[in-house]
């Protein structure tokens, strides 16, 4: 009986994981189905297209400058993730070690709890005066700064797990606080930095509100804005929109699958504060 239970337990676990994976994949599979349908076929519902329309993928590039928008999305996401990490690492170190660090964490998390639309109007006029509207640099700045609070909150847990005696030994060897951060703390919290960078990358890549508000020209708009442009006055090109969504989703999905080991390891390593 024990042998049967030993065999059945991993089999049941694999079956449960298979069911969960299938359920999670349903939206992506339905998106694939939509990308291969004509507008009339979309209205009929169902999961399997009555006729495969492969032209939706090529037509999507003709309807909007899809390649340019996808490139802008990656530039903004990578730049914003780098900016977030550069700011969040020293901020998290200060929040974990300084006496007033808890106050900094509270202020940052409080600002993150506010709805982004509350900052939309003042940021727009500020960026307009600085010449950063219709510019990917402006989106990098706003997305990178917007993700700093959650990045500091995550990295603070990693810093607190480092024994302070290690830093004190570095100070006795003549290292400054900045050198200790660069040469001692940063290598020790590298898994957390990778995890935070990936999370910031995903958040910036999917951001829509600031992208649609600060960029009115197609040469500076991101893919999330481009997906909203398939809607006309009377019709919506669902097939082309789904095809464009797949073009944007698949690379990020593959990146998430490939990086899941570092992402999960990083988040679980910093889970205890």
C-alpha atoms as a PDB file:
ATOM      1  CA  UNK A   1       0.000   0.000   0.000  1.00  0.00           C
ATOM      2  CA  UNK A   2       2.821   2.359   0.828  1.00  0.00           C
ATOM      3  CA  UNK A   3       4.490   1.563  -2.491  1.00  0.00           C
ATOM      4  CA  UNK A   4       1.300   2.413  -4.379  1.00  0.00           C
ATOM      5  CA  UNK A   5       0.973   5.668  -2.475  1.00  0.00           C
ATOM      6  CA  UNK A   6       4.609   6.478  -3.235  1.00  0.00           C
ATOM      7  CA  UNK A   7       3.953   5.999  -6.963  1.00  0.00           C
ATOM      8  CA  UNK A   8       0.571   7.735  -6.953  1.00  0.00           C
ATOM      9  CA  UNK A   9       1.770  10.840  -5.142  1.00  0.00           C
ATOM     10  CA  UNK A  10       4.168  12.152  -7.840  1.00  0.00           C
ATOM     11  CA  UNK A  11       1.719  11.029 -10.532  1.00  0.00           C
ATOM     12  CA  UNK A  12      -1.074  13.037  -8.902  1.00  0.00           C
ATOM     13  CA  UNK A  13       1.228  16.020  -8.510  1.00  0.00           C
ATOM     14  CA  UNK A  14       2.192  15.917 -12.172  1.00  0.00           C
ATOM     15  CA  UNK A  15      -1.464  15.615 -13.188  1.00  0.00           C
ATOM     16  CA  UNK A  16      -2.378  18.615 -11.017  1.00  0.00           C
ATOM     17  CA  UNK A  17       0.479  20.657 -12.511  1.00  0.00           C
ATOM     18  CA  UNK A  18      -0.647  19.659 -16.004  1.00  0.00           C
ATOM     19  CA  UNK A  19      -4.210  20.824 -15.305  1.00  0.00           C
ATOM     20  CA  UNK A  20      -2.963  24.099 -13.801  1.00  0.00           C
ATOM     21  CA  UNK A  21      -0.654  24.672 -16.768  1.00  0.00           C
ATOM     22  CA  UNK A  22      -3.500  24.044 -19.196  1.00  0.00           C
ATOM     23  CA  UNK A  23      -5.823  26.450 -17.386  1.00  0.00           C
ATOM     24  CA  UNK A  24      -3.133  29.143 -17.286  1.00  0.00           C
ATOM     25  CA  UNK A  25      -2.438  28.634 -21.013  1.00  0.00           C
ATOM     26  CA  UNK A  26      -6.096  28.972 -22.067  1.00  0.00           C
ATOM     27  CA  UNK A  27      -5.990  32.772 -22.620  1.00  0.00           C
ATOM     28  CA  UNK A  28      -2.863  32.437 -24.758  1.00  0.00           C
ATOM     29  CA  UNK A  29      -4.375  29.580 -26.756  1.00  0.00           C
ATOM     30  CA  UNK A  30      -7.552  31.571 -27.346  1.00  0.00           C
ATOM     31  CA  UNK A  31      -5.423  34.528 -28.469  1.00  0.00           C
ATOM     32  CA  UNK A  32      -3.775  32.241 -31.027  1.00  0.00           C
ATOM     33  CA  UNK A  33      -7.225  31.191 -32.210  1.00  0.00           C
ATOM     34  CA  UNK A  34      -8.344  34.819 -32.585  1.00  0.00           C
ATOM     35  CA  UNK A  35      -5.205  35.712 -34.547  1.00  0.00           C
ATOM     36  CA  UNK A  36      -6.172  33.187 -37.245  1.00  0.00           C
ATOM     37  CA  UNK A  37      -9.774  34.313 -37.766  1.00  0.00           C
ATOM     38  CA  UNK A  38     -11.585  36.712 -40.031  1.00  0.00           C
ATOM     39  CA  UNK A  39     -13.711  39.482 -38.431  1.00  0.00           C
ATOM     40  CA  UNK A  40     -16.915  37.565 -39.176  1.00  0.00           C
ATOM     41  CA  UNK A  41     -15.526  34.360 -37.732  1.00  0.00           C
ATOM     42  CA  UNK A  42     -14.613  36.149 -34.497  1.00  0.00           C
ATOM     43  CA  UNK A  43     -18.252  37.064 -33.952  1.00  0.00           C
ATOM     44  CA  UNK A  44     -19.282  33.421 -34.277  1.00  0.00           C
ATOM     45  CA  UNK A  45     -17.361  32.463 -31.131  1.00  0.00           C
ATOM     46  CA  UNK A  46     -15.897  29.050 -30.503  1.00  0.00           C
ATOM     47  CA  UNK A  47     -12.301  27.985 -30.100  1.00  0.00           C
ATOM     48  CA  UNK A  48     -11.389  26.639 -33.532  1.00  0.00           C
ATOM     49  CA  UNK A  49     -11.413  28.980 -36.564  1.00  0.00           C
ATOM     50  CA  UNK A  50     -13.658  27.943 -39.401  1.00  0.00           C
ATOM     51  CA  UNK A  51     -10.975  29.223 -41.805  1.00  0.00           C
ATOM     52  CA  UNK A  52      -7.359  30.057 -41.012  1.00  0.00           C
ATOM     53  CA  UNK A  53      -6.502  33.651 -41.966  1.00  0.00           C
ATOM     54  CA  UNK A  54      -2.705  33.819 -41.868  1.00  0.00           C
ATOM     55  CA  UNK A  55      -2.750  37.277 -43.443  1.00  0.00           C
ATOM     56  CA  UNK A  56      -3.652  38.831 -40.078  1.00  0.00           C
ATOM     57  CA  UNK A  57       0.020  38.798 -39.105  1.00  0.00           C
ATOM     58  CA  UNK A  58       1.242  40.617 -42.211  1.00  0.00           C
ATOM     59  CA  UNK A  59      -1.751  42.965 -42.229  1.00  0.00           C
ATOM     60  CA  UNK A  60      -1.040  43.957 -38.630  1.00  0.00           C
ATOM     61  CA  UNK A  61       2.275  45.462 -39.774  1.00  0.00           C
ATOM     62  CA  UNK A  62       0.410  47.444 -42.448  1.00  0.00           C
ATOM     63  CA  UNK A  63      -2.270  48.772 -40.091  1.00  0.00           C
ATOM     64  CA  UNK A  64       0.173  50.173 -37.522  1.00  0.00           C
ATOM     65  CA  UNK A  65       3.997  50.562 -37.443  1.00  0.00           C
ATOM     66  CA  UNK A  66       4.196  47.388 -35.391  1.00  0.00           C
ATOM     67  CA  UNK A  67       7.951  46.866 -35.670  1.00  0.00           C
ATOM     68  CA  UNK A  68       8.674  50.413 -34.470  1.00  0.00           C
ATOM     69  CA  UNK A  69       6.259  50.133 -31.562  1.00  0.00           C
ATOM     70  CA  UNK A  70       7.649  46.762 -30.490  1.00  0.00           C
ATOM     71  CA  UNK A  71      11.154  48.198 -30.595  1.00  0.00           C
ATOM     72  CA  UNK A  72      10.031  51.179 -28.511  1.00  0.00           C
ATOM     73  CA  UNK A  73       8.475  48.834 -25.952  1.00  0.00           C
ATOM     74  CA  UNK A  74      11.740  46.949 -25.515  1.00  0.00           C
ATOM     75  CA  UNK A  75      13.799  50.145 -25.323  1.00  0.00           C
ATOM     76  CA  UNK A  76      11.482  51.603 -22.694  1.00  0.00           C
ATOM     77  CA  UNK A  77      11.279  48.376 -20.695  1.00  0.00           C
ATOM     78  CA  UNK A  78      15.035  47.760 -20.651  1.00  0.00           C
ATOM     79  CA  UNK A  79      15.881  51.394 -19.916  1.00  0.00           C
ATOM     80  CA  UNK A  80      13.263  51.673 -17.178  1.00  0.00           C
ATOM     81  CA  UNK A  81      14.369  48.411 -15.543  1.00  0.00           C
ATOM     82  CA  UNK A  82      17.983  49.593 -15.503  1.00  0.00           C
ATOM     83  CA  UNK A  83      16.983  52.958 -14.038  1.00  0.00           C
ATOM     84  CA  UNK A  84      14.856  51.276 -11.369  1.00  0.00           C
ATOM     85  CA  UNK A  85      17.690  48.995 -10.276  1.00  0.00           C
ATOM     86  CA  UNK A  86      20.255  51.828 -10.194  1.00  0.00           C
ATOM     87  CA  UNK A  87      18.025  53.892  -7.896  1.00  0.00           C
ATOM     88  CA  UNK A  88      16.517  51.061  -5.849  1.00  0.00           C
ATOM     89  CA  UNK A  89      19.763  49.346  -4.776  1.00  0.00           C
ATOM     90  CA  UNK A  90      21.224  52.272  -2.762  1.00  0.00           C
ATOM     91  CA  UNK A  91      17.740  53.266  -1.574  1.00  0.00           C
ATOM     92  CA  UNK A  92      17.089  49.748  -0.260  1.00  0.00           C
ATOM     93  CA  UNK A  93      20.489  49.717   1.445  1.00  0.00           C
ATOM     94  CA  UNK A  94      19.681  53.004   3.167  1.00  0.00           C
ATOM     95  CA  UNK A  95      16.202  51.816   4.134  1.00  0.00           C
ATOM     96  CA  UNK A  96      17.596  48.629   5.694  1.00  0.00           C
ATOM     97  CA  UNK A  97      20.562  50.129   7.536  1.00  0.00           C
ATOM     98  CA  UNK A  98      19.854  53.786   8.370  1.00  0.00           C
ATOM     99  CA  UNK A  99      17.869  54.831  11.423  1.00  0.00           C
ATOM    100  CA  UNK A 100      15.392  56.756   9.287  1.00  0.00           C
ATOM    101  CA  UNK A 101      15.216  53.977   6.707  1.00  0.00           C
ATOM    102  CA  UNK A 102      11.774  52.816   7.777  1.00  0.00           C
ATOM    103  CA  UNK A 103      10.472  56.310   7.167  1.00  0.00           C
ATOM    104  CA  UNK A 104      11.840  56.196   3.613  1.00  0.00           C
ATOM    105  CA  UNK A 105      10.168  52.831   3.010  1.00  0.00           C
ATOM    106  CA  UNK A 106       6.866  54.172   4.301  1.00  0.00           C
ATOM    107  CA  UNK A 107       7.003  57.235   2.081  1.00  0.00           C
ATOM    108  CA  UNK A 108       7.856  55.181  -1.015  1.00  0.00           C
ATOM    109  CA  UNK A 109       5.159  52.579  -0.417  1.00  0.00           C
ATOM    110  CA  UNK A 110       2.646  55.320   0.346  1.00  0.00           C
ATOM    111  CA  UNK A 111       3.360  56.963  -2.993  1.00  0.00           C
ATOM    112  CA  UNK A 112       3.023  53.604  -4.750  1.00  0.00           C
ATOM    113  CA  UNK A 113      -0.446  53.100  -3.279  1.00  0.00           C
ATOM    114  CA  UNK A 114      -1.736  56.268  -4.958  1.00  0.00           C
ATOM    115  CA  UNK A 115      -3.440  55.735  -8.344  1.00  0.00           C
ATOM    116  CA  UNK A 116      -1.099  56.612 -11.237  1.00  0.00           C
ATOM    117  CA  UNK A 117      -3.749  58.831 -12.826  1.00  0.00           C
ATOM    118  CA  UNK A 118      -3.326  61.250  -9.908  1.00  0.00           C
ATOM    119  CA  UNK A 119       0.168  62.110 -11.129  1.00  0.00           C
ATOM    120  CA  UNK A 120      -0.709  62.098 -14.819  1.00  0.00           C
ATOM    121  CA  UNK A 121      -1.529  65.783 -15.328  1.00  0.00           C
ATOM    122  CA  UNK A 122       1.395  67.343 -13.397  1.00  0.00           C
ATOM    123  CA  UNK A 123       3.829  64.879 -14.960  1.00  0.00           C
ATOM    124  CA  UNK A 124       2.531  65.683 -18.430  1.00  0.00           C
ATOM    125  CA  UNK A 125       3.139  69.425 -18.075  1.00  0.00           C
ATOM    126  CA  UNK A 126       6.506  68.798 -16.422  1.00  0.00           C
ATOM    127  CA  UNK A 127       7.605  66.530 -19.248  1.00  0.00           C
ATOM    128  CA  UNK A 128       6.181  68.904 -21.857  1.00  0.00           C
ATOM    129  CA  UNK A 129       8.268  71.792 -20.495  1.00  0.00           C
ATOM    130  CA  UNK A 130      11.323  69.531 -20.472  1.00  0.00           C
ATOM    131  CA  UNK A 131      10.695  68.375 -24.050  1.00  0.00           C
ATOM    132  CA  UNK A 132      10.222  64.754 -23.022  1.00  0.00           C
ATOM    133  CA  UNK A 133       6.775  64.146 -24.512  1.00  0.00           C
ATOM    134  CA  UNK A 134       6.692  62.068 -27.708  1.00  0.00           C
ATOM    135  CA  UNK A 135      10.047  60.705 -26.601  1.00  0.00           C
ATOM    136  CA  UNK A 136      10.996  57.233 -25.379  1.00  0.00           C
ATOM    137  CA  UNK A 137      13.362  58.851 -22.872  1.00  0.00           C
ATOM    138  CA  UNK A 138      10.377  60.389 -21.092  1.00  0.00           C
ATOM    139  CA  UNK A 139       8.682  56.994 -20.854  1.00  0.00           C
ATOM    140  CA  UNK A 140      11.894  55.441 -19.530  1.00  0.00           C
ATOM    141  CA  UNK A 141      12.066  58.072 -16.792  1.00  0.00           C
ATOM    142  CA  UNK A 142       8.436  57.830 -15.706  1.00  0.00           C
ATOM    143  CA  UNK A 143       8.291  54.023 -15.813  1.00  0.00           C
ATOM    144  CA  UNK A 144      11.656  53.624 -14.124  1.00  0.00           C
ATOM    145  CA  UNK A 145      10.757  55.998 -11.295  1.00  0.00           C
ATOM    146  CA  UNK A 146       7.264  54.539 -10.907  1.00  0.00           C
ATOM    147  CA  UNK A 147       8.688  51.072 -10.204  1.00  0.00           C
ATOM    148  CA  UNK A 148      11.223  52.227  -7.593  1.00  0.00           C
ATOM    149  CA  UNK A 149       8.918  51.812  -4.535  1.00  0.00           C
ATOM    150  CA  UNK A 150       8.145  48.135  -5.159  1.00  0.00           C
ATOM    151  CA  UNK A 151      11.789  47.493  -6.081  1.00  0.00           C
ATOM    152  CA  UNK A 152      13.020  49.053  -2.816  1.00  0.00           C
ATOM    153  CA  UNK A 153      10.464  47.060  -0.858  1.00  0.00           C
ATOM    154  CA  UNK A 154      11.694  43.804  -2.402  1.00  0.00           C
ATOM    155  CA  UNK A 155      15.414  44.560  -2.171  1.00  0.00           C
ATOM    156  CA  UNK A 156      15.204  45.730   1.428  1.00  0.00           C
ATOM    157  CA  UNK A 157      14.517  42.149   2.482  1.00  0.00           C
ATOM    158  CA  UNK A 158      17.685  40.959   0.753  1.00  0.00           C
ATOM    159  CA  UNK A 159      19.823  43.601   2.452  1.00  0.00           C
ATOM    160  CA  UNK A 160      18.430  42.746   5.888  1.00  0.00           C
ATOM    161  CA  UNK A 161      19.466  39.111   5.431  1.00  0.00           C
ATOM    162  CA  UNK A 162      23.123  40.147   5.166  1.00  0.00           C
ATOM    163  CA  UNK A 163      24.844  40.112   8.583  1.00  0.00           C
ATOM    164  CA  UNK A 164      25.982  43.589   9.538  1.00  0.00           C
ATOM    165  CA  UNK A 165      29.273  42.123  10.759  1.00  0.00           C
ATOM    166  CA  UNK A 166      30.323  41.619   7.129  1.00  0.00           C
ATOM    167  CA  UNK A 167      29.931  45.312   6.423  1.00  0.00           C
ATOM    168  CA  UNK A 168      31.650  46.281   9.652  1.00  0.00           C
ATOM    169  CA  UNK A 169      34.632  44.125   8.695  1.00  0.00           C
ATOM    170  CA  UNK A 170      34.775  45.881   5.328  1.00  0.00           C
ATOM    171  CA  UNK A 171      34.757  49.270   7.059  1.00  0.00           C
ATOM    172  CA  UNK A 172      37.640  48.163   9.296  1.00  0.00           C
ATOM    173  CA  UNK A 173      39.557  47.285   6.139  1.00  0.00           C
ATOM    174  CA  UNK A 174      39.168  50.873   4.991  1.00  0.00           C
ATOM    175  CA  UNK A 175      36.214  50.605   2.603  1.00  0.00           C
ATOM    176  CA  UNK A 176      33.786  53.492   2.453  1.00  0.00           C
ATOM    177  CA  UNK A 177      30.024  53.015   2.618  1.00  0.00           C
ATOM    178  CA  UNK A 178      29.763  53.367  -1.155  1.00  0.00           C
ATOM    179  CA  UNK A 179      32.579  50.902  -1.791  1.00  0.00           C
ATOM    180  CA  UNK A 180      31.022  48.460   0.687  1.00  0.00           C
ATOM    181  CA  UNK A 181      27.747  48.671  -1.193  1.00  0.00           C
ATOM    182  CA  UNK A 182      29.403  48.066  -4.567  1.00  0.00           C
ATOM    183  CA  UNK A 183      31.916  45.379  -3.572  1.00  0.00           C
ATOM    184  CA  UNK A 184      30.191  43.554  -0.716  1.00  0.00           C
ATOM    185  CA  UNK A 185      26.420  44.129  -0.673  1.00  0.00           C
ATOM    186  CA  UNK A 186      25.626  44.135  -4.379  1.00  0.00           C
ATOM    187  CA  UNK A 187      27.250  40.706  -5.086  1.00  0.00           C
ATOM    188  CA  UNK A 188      25.424  39.209  -2.107  1.00  0.00           C
ATOM    189  CA  UNK A 189      22.017  40.493  -3.225  1.00  0.00           C
ATOM    190  CA  UNK A 190      22.586  39.730  -6.917  1.00  0.00           C
ATOM    191  CA  UNK A 191      19.673  37.217  -7.093  1.00  0.00           C
ATOM    192  CA  UNK A 192      17.344  39.889  -5.739  1.00  0.00           C
ATOM    193  CA  UNK A 193      18.645  42.459  -8.218  1.00  0.00           C
ATOM    194  CA  UNK A 194      17.973  40.050 -11.092  1.00  0.00           C
ATOM    195  CA  UNK A 195      14.458  39.352  -9.801  1.00  0.00           C
ATOM    196  CA  UNK A 196      13.683  43.039  -9.309  1.00  0.00           C
ATOM    197  CA  UNK A 197      15.075  43.859 -12.749  1.00  0.00           C
ATOM    198  CA  UNK A 198      12.839  41.252 -14.368  1.00  0.00           C
ATOM    199  CA  UNK A 199       9.753  42.450 -12.498  1.00  0.00           C
ATOM    200  CA  UNK A 200      10.487  46.053 -13.479  1.00  0.00           C
ATOM    201  CA  UNK A 201      10.997  44.924 -17.071  1.00  0.00           C
ATOM    202  CA  UNK A 202       7.604  43.212 -17.162  1.00  0.00           C
ATOM    203  CA  UNK A 203       5.807  46.142 -15.508  1.00  0.00           C
ATOM    204  CA  UNK A 204       7.352  48.701 -17.858  1.00  0.00           C
ATOM    205  CA  UNK A 205       6.718  46.592 -20.955  1.00  0.00           C
ATOM    206  CA  UNK A 206       3.003  46.308 -20.116  1.00  0.00           C
ATOM    207  CA  UNK A 207       2.470  49.924 -19.013  1.00  0.00           C
ATOM    208  CA  UNK A 208      -0.273  51.747 -20.938  1.00  0.00           C
ATOM    209  CA  UNK A 209      -1.496  54.863 -19.090  1.00  0.00           C
ATOM    210  CA  UNK A 210       1.679  56.944 -19.279  1.00  0.00           C
ATOM    211  CA  UNK A 211       2.523  55.627 -22.749  1.00  0.00           C
ATOM    212  CA  UNK A 212      -0.796  56.701 -24.239  1.00  0.00           C
ATOM    213  CA  UNK A 213      -0.751  60.063 -22.421  1.00  0.00           C
ATOM    214  CA  UNK A 214       2.829  61.171 -23.129  1.00  0.00           C
ATOM    215  CA  UNK A 215       3.213  59.944 -26.723  1.00  0.00           C
ATOM    216  CA  UNK A 216       0.921  61.098 -29.510  1.00  0.00           C
ATOM    217  CA  UNK A 217       3.251  60.241 -32.396  1.00  0.00           C
ATOM    218  CA  UNK A 218       3.494  56.680 -33.643  1.00  0.00           C
ATOM    219  CA  UNK A 219       7.297  56.851 -33.865  1.00  0.00           C
ATOM    220  CA  UNK A 220       7.500  57.114 -30.057  1.00  0.00           C
ATOM    221  CA  UNK A 221       4.489  55.019 -29.029  1.00  0.00           C
ATOM    222  CA  UNK A 222       4.834  51.573 -27.488  1.00  0.00           C
ATOM    223  CA  UNK A 223       3.117  48.341 -28.449  1.00  0.00           C
ATOM    224  CA  UNK A 224       0.470  48.639 -25.726  1.00  0.00           C
ATOM    225  CA  UNK A 225      -0.705  51.868 -27.341  1.00  0.00           C
ATOM    226  CA  UNK A 226      -0.523  50.327 -30.795  1.00  0.00           C
ATOM    227  CA  UNK A 227      -2.871  47.530 -29.770  1.00  0.00           C
ATOM    228  CA  UNK A 228      -5.575  50.109 -29.090  1.00  0.00           C
ATOM    229  CA  UNK A 229      -5.276  51.511 -32.636  1.00  0.00           C
ATOM    230  CA  UNK A 230      -6.918  48.524 -34.337  1.00  0.00           C
ATOM    231  CA  UNK A 231     -10.332  49.838 -33.324  1.00  0.00           C
ATOM    232  CA  UNK A 232     -11.969  51.875 -36.076  1.00  0.00           C
ATOM    233  CA  UNK A 233     -15.152  53.930 -36.149  1.00  0.00           C
ATOM    234  CA  UNK A 234     -17.399  50.949 -36.883  1.00  0.00           C
ATOM    235  CA  UNK A 235     -15.260  47.802 -36.716  1.00  0.00           C
ATOM    236  CA  UNK A 236     -12.470  46.304 -34.670  1.00  0.00           C
ATOM    237  CA  UNK A 237      -9.795  44.252 -36.391  1.00  0.00           C
ATOM    238  CA  UNK A 238      -9.787  41.526 -33.762  1.00  0.00           C
ATOM    239  CA  UNK A 239      -7.687  39.120 -35.816  1.00  0.00           C
ATOM    240  CA  UNK A 240      -4.957  41.667 -36.498  1.00  0.00           C
ATOM    241  CA  UNK A 241      -5.088  42.893 -32.916  1.00  0.00           C
ATOM    242  CA  UNK A 242      -4.650  39.350 -31.621  1.00  0.00           C
ATOM    243  CA  UNK A 243      -1.785  38.753 -34.050  1.00  0.00           C
ATOM    244  CA  UNK A 244      -0.047  41.923 -32.890  1.00  0.00           C
ATOM    245  CA  UNK A 245      -0.639  40.893 -29.264  1.00  0.00           C
ATOM    246  CA  UNK A 246       1.048  37.552 -29.896  1.00  0.00           C
ATOM    247  CA  UNK A 247       4.028  39.270 -31.491  1.00  0.00           C
ATOM    248  CA  UNK A 248       4.392  41.343 -28.346  1.00  0.00           C
ATOM    249  CA  UNK A 249       3.550  38.651 -25.802  1.00  0.00           C
ATOM    250  CA  UNK A 250       5.550  35.659 -27.047  1.00  0.00           C
ATOM    251  CA  UNK A 251       9.076  37.129 -26.601  1.00  0.00           C
ATOM    252  CA  UNK A 252       8.253  38.328 -23.087  1.00  0.00           C
ATOM    253  CA  UNK A 253       6.576  35.001 -22.286  1.00  0.00           C
ATOM    254  CA  UNK A 254       9.655  33.092 -23.437  1.00  0.00           C
ATOM    255  CA  UNK A 255      11.865  35.381 -21.350  1.00  0.00           C
ATOM    256  CA  UNK A 256       9.706  34.760 -18.274  1.00  0.00           C
ATOM    257  CA  UNK A 257       9.889  30.989 -18.766  1.00  0.00           C
ATOM    258  CA  UNK A 258      13.662  31.022 -19.281  1.00  0.00           C
ATOM    259  CA  UNK A 259      14.241  33.314 -16.295  1.00  0.00           C
ATOM    260  CA  UNK A 260      11.757  31.716 -13.913  1.00  0.00           C
ATOM    261  CA  UNK A 261      14.489  29.924 -11.976  1.00  0.00           C
ATOM    262  CA  UNK A 262      16.266  33.198 -11.169  1.00  0.00           C
ATOM    263  CA  UNK A 263      12.980  34.989 -10.611  1.00  0.00           C
ATOM    264  CA  UNK A 264      11.604  32.437  -8.134  1.00  0.00           C
ATOM    265  CA  UNK A 265      14.957  31.951  -6.414  1.00  0.00           C
ATOM    266  CA  UNK A 266      15.428  35.674  -6.053  1.00  0.00           C
ATOM    267  CA  UNK A 267      11.975  36.339  -4.635  1.00  0.00           C
ATOM    268  CA  UNK A 268      12.075  33.401  -2.208  1.00  0.00           C
ATOM    269  CA  UNK A 269      15.565  34.331  -1.027  1.00  0.00           C
ATOM    270  CA  UNK A 270      14.340  37.764  -0.033  1.00  0.00           C
ATOM    271  CA  UNK A 271      11.001  36.619   1.288  1.00  0.00           C
ATOM    272  CA  UNK A 272      12.050  36.822   4.959  1.00  0.00           C
ATOM    273  CA  UNK A 273      12.782  40.267   6.286  1.00  0.00           C
END
